[in-house]
């Protein structure tokens, strides 16, 4: 192999690794977002607000 071919191969390997890592991170982000939405819903963060001010 020539040095240029090795460099291109190394760069392609790095690109492939980064793409796989990016896909994993996107999956993890989506999972965490769904979990956060679930926790917020359980905590009542998404209750409908009336147009009238709350009475205390």
N, C-alpha and C. Protein backbone atom coordinates (compact mmCIF):
# COMPACT_ATOMS: atom_id res chain seq x y z
N UNK A 1 0.84 -1.19 0.00
CA UNK A 1 0.00 0.00 0.00
C UNK A 1 0.88 1.25 0.00
N UNK A 2 0.40 2.23 -0.69
CA UNK A 2 1.12 3.49 -0.70
C UNK A 2 0.69 4.33 0.51
N UNK A 3 1.53 5.25 0.94
CA UNK A 3 1.16 6.10 2.08
C UNK A 3 -0.15 6.86 1.85
N UNK A 4 -0.38 7.31 0.62
CA UNK A 4 -1.62 8.04 0.33
C UNK A 4 -2.83 7.13 0.48
N UNK A 5 -2.70 5.89 0.05
CA UNK A 5 -3.82 4.94 0.15
C UNK A 5 -4.10 4.61 1.62
N UNK A 6 -3.04 4.48 2.41
CA UNK A 6 -3.21 4.22 3.84
C UNK A 6 -3.89 5.39 4.52
N UNK A 7 -3.52 6.61 4.17
CA UNK A 7 -4.12 7.80 4.76
C UNK A 7 -5.59 7.88 4.39
N UNK A 8 -5.93 7.61 3.14
CA UNK A 8 -7.32 7.65 2.71
C UNK A 8 -8.12 6.57 3.43
N UNK A 9 -7.53 5.40 3.60
CA UNK A 9 -8.19 4.30 4.30
C UNK A 9 -8.41 4.65 5.76
N UNK A 10 -7.40 5.25 6.40
CA UNK A 10 -7.52 5.68 7.80
C UNK A 10 -8.61 6.74 7.94
N UNK A 11 -8.65 7.68 7.00
CA UNK A 11 -9.65 8.74 7.05
C UNK A 11 -11.05 8.16 6.86
N UNK A 12 -11.19 7.21 5.95
CA UNK A 12 -12.50 6.59 5.73
C UNK A 12 -12.94 5.80 6.95
N UNK A 13 -11.99 5.13 7.59
CA UNK A 13 -12.31 4.40 8.83
C UNK A 13 -12.80 5.36 9.90
N UNK A 14 -12.14 6.50 10.01
CA UNK A 14 -12.54 7.51 11.00
C UNK A 14 -13.93 8.07 10.68
N UNK A 15 -14.20 8.33 9.42
CA UNK A 15 -15.52 8.82 9.00
C UNK A 15 -16.59 7.78 9.33
N UNK A 16 -16.31 6.54 9.04
CA UNK A 16 -17.27 5.46 9.34
C UNK A 16 -17.53 5.37 10.85
N UNK A 17 -16.46 5.47 11.65
CA UNK A 17 -16.60 5.41 13.10
C UNK A 17 -17.42 6.58 13.61
N UNK A 18 -17.16 7.77 13.09
CA UNK A 18 -17.89 8.96 13.52
C UNK A 18 -19.36 8.90 13.12
N UNK A 19 -19.63 8.34 11.95
CA UNK A 19 -21.03 8.19 11.53
C UNK A 19 -21.78 7.22 12.45
N UNK A 20 -21.12 6.13 12.81
CA UNK A 20 -21.75 5.17 13.73
C UNK A 20 -21.97 5.81 15.10
N UNK A 21 -20.99 6.56 15.58
CA UNK A 21 -21.13 7.23 16.86
C UNK A 21 -22.25 8.27 16.81
N UNK A 22 -22.33 8.99 15.71
CA UNK A 22 -23.39 9.99 15.53
C UNK A 22 -24.76 9.33 15.56
N UNK A 23 -24.91 8.20 14.90
CA UNK A 23 -26.18 7.49 14.91
C UNK A 23 -26.54 7.04 16.32
N UNK A 24 -25.57 6.55 17.07
CA UNK A 24 -25.81 6.12 18.44
C UNK A 24 -26.22 7.31 19.31
N UNK A 25 -25.53 8.43 19.16
CA UNK A 25 -25.85 9.61 19.95
C UNK A 25 -27.25 10.14 19.63
N UNK A 26 -27.64 10.10 18.37
CA UNK A 26 -29.00 10.52 18.00
C UNK A 26 -30.04 9.61 18.64
N UNK A 27 -29.78 8.32 18.63
CA UNK A 27 -30.70 7.36 19.24
C UNK A 27 -30.82 7.62 20.73
N UNK A 28 -29.68 7.83 21.39
CA UNK A 28 -29.69 8.10 22.83
C UNK A 28 -30.43 9.40 23.13
N UNK A 29 -30.20 10.43 22.30
CA UNK A 29 -30.87 11.72 22.50
C UNK A 29 -32.37 11.56 22.38
N UNK A 30 -32.82 10.83 21.38
CA UNK A 30 -34.26 10.61 21.19
C UNK A 30 -34.86 9.86 22.37
N UNK A 31 -34.15 8.86 22.87
CA UNK A 31 -34.63 8.10 24.03
C UNK A 31 -34.74 9.00 25.26
N UNK A 32 -33.71 9.81 25.50
CA UNK A 32 -33.73 10.71 26.65
C UNK A 32 -34.83 11.76 26.52
N UNK A 33 -35.07 12.25 25.32
CA UNK A 33 -36.13 13.22 25.10
C UNK A 33 -37.49 12.60 25.41
N UNK A 34 -37.71 11.38 24.95
CA UNK A 34 -38.97 10.69 25.23
C UNK A 34 -39.13 10.46 26.73
N UNK A 35 -38.05 10.11 27.41
CA UNK A 35 -38.12 9.90 28.85
C UNK A 35 -38.43 11.22 29.56
N UNK A 36 -37.79 12.29 29.14
CA UNK A 36 -38.05 13.60 29.76
C UNK A 36 -39.49 14.03 29.56
N UNK A 37 -40.02 13.80 28.38
CA UNK A 37 -41.42 14.14 28.10
C UNK A 37 -42.33 13.30 28.99
N UNK A 38 -42.01 12.04 29.16
CA UNK A 38 -42.80 11.17 30.03
C UNK A 38 -42.79 11.64 31.47
N UNK A 39 -41.60 12.00 31.98
CA UNK A 39 -41.50 12.50 33.35
C UNK A 39 -42.26 13.81 33.50
N UNK A 40 -42.15 14.69 32.52
CA UNK A 40 -42.85 15.97 32.59
C UNK A 40 -44.36 15.76 32.57
N UNK A 41 -44.81 14.83 31.76
CA UNK A 41 -46.24 14.54 31.70
C UNK A 41 -46.72 13.97 33.03
N UNK A 42 -45.95 13.09 33.63
CA UNK A 42 -46.31 12.53 34.93
C UNK A 42 -46.35 13.60 36.01
N UNK A 43 -45.49 14.61 35.88
CA UNK A 43 -45.43 15.67 36.87
C UNK A 43 -46.50 16.73 36.63
N UNK A 44 -47.25 16.59 35.54
CA UNK A 44 -48.32 17.54 35.26
C UNK A 44 -47.85 18.80 34.56
N UNK A 45 -46.72 18.76 33.95
CA UNK A 45 -46.19 19.95 33.28
C UNK A 45 -46.98 20.33 32.04
N UNK A 46 -47.79 19.41 31.53
CA UNK A 46 -48.51 19.67 30.29
C UNK A 46 -50.01 19.87 30.53
N UNK A 47 -50.38 20.27 31.72
CA UNK A 47 -51.79 20.51 31.98
C UNK A 47 -52.25 21.71 31.17
N UNK A 48 -53.49 21.63 30.71
CA UNK A 48 -54.04 22.75 29.96
C UNK A 48 -54.29 23.91 30.91
N UNK A 49 -53.95 25.06 30.45
CA UNK A 49 -54.18 26.26 31.25
C UNK A 49 -55.44 26.95 30.75
N UNK A 50 -56.25 27.39 31.67
CA UNK A 50 -57.46 28.10 31.28
C UNK A 50 -57.09 29.55 30.98
N UNK A 51 -57.97 30.23 30.32
CA UNK A 51 -57.72 31.63 30.00
C UNK A 51 -57.94 32.54 31.20
N UNK A 52 -58.57 32.02 32.21
CA UNK A 52 -58.84 32.80 33.40
C UNK A 52 -57.70 32.63 34.38
N UNK A 53 -57.35 33.71 35.09
CA UNK A 53 -56.25 33.59 36.08
C UNK A 53 -56.65 32.64 37.21
N UNK A 54 -55.62 32.01 37.77
CA UNK A 54 -55.87 31.09 38.89
C UNK A 54 -56.27 31.87 40.13
N UNK A 55 -57.13 31.27 40.90
CA UNK A 55 -57.48 31.87 42.20
C UNK A 55 -56.67 31.18 43.27
N UNK A 56 -56.18 31.95 44.20
CA UNK A 56 -55.35 31.38 45.25
C UNK A 56 -56.03 31.47 46.57
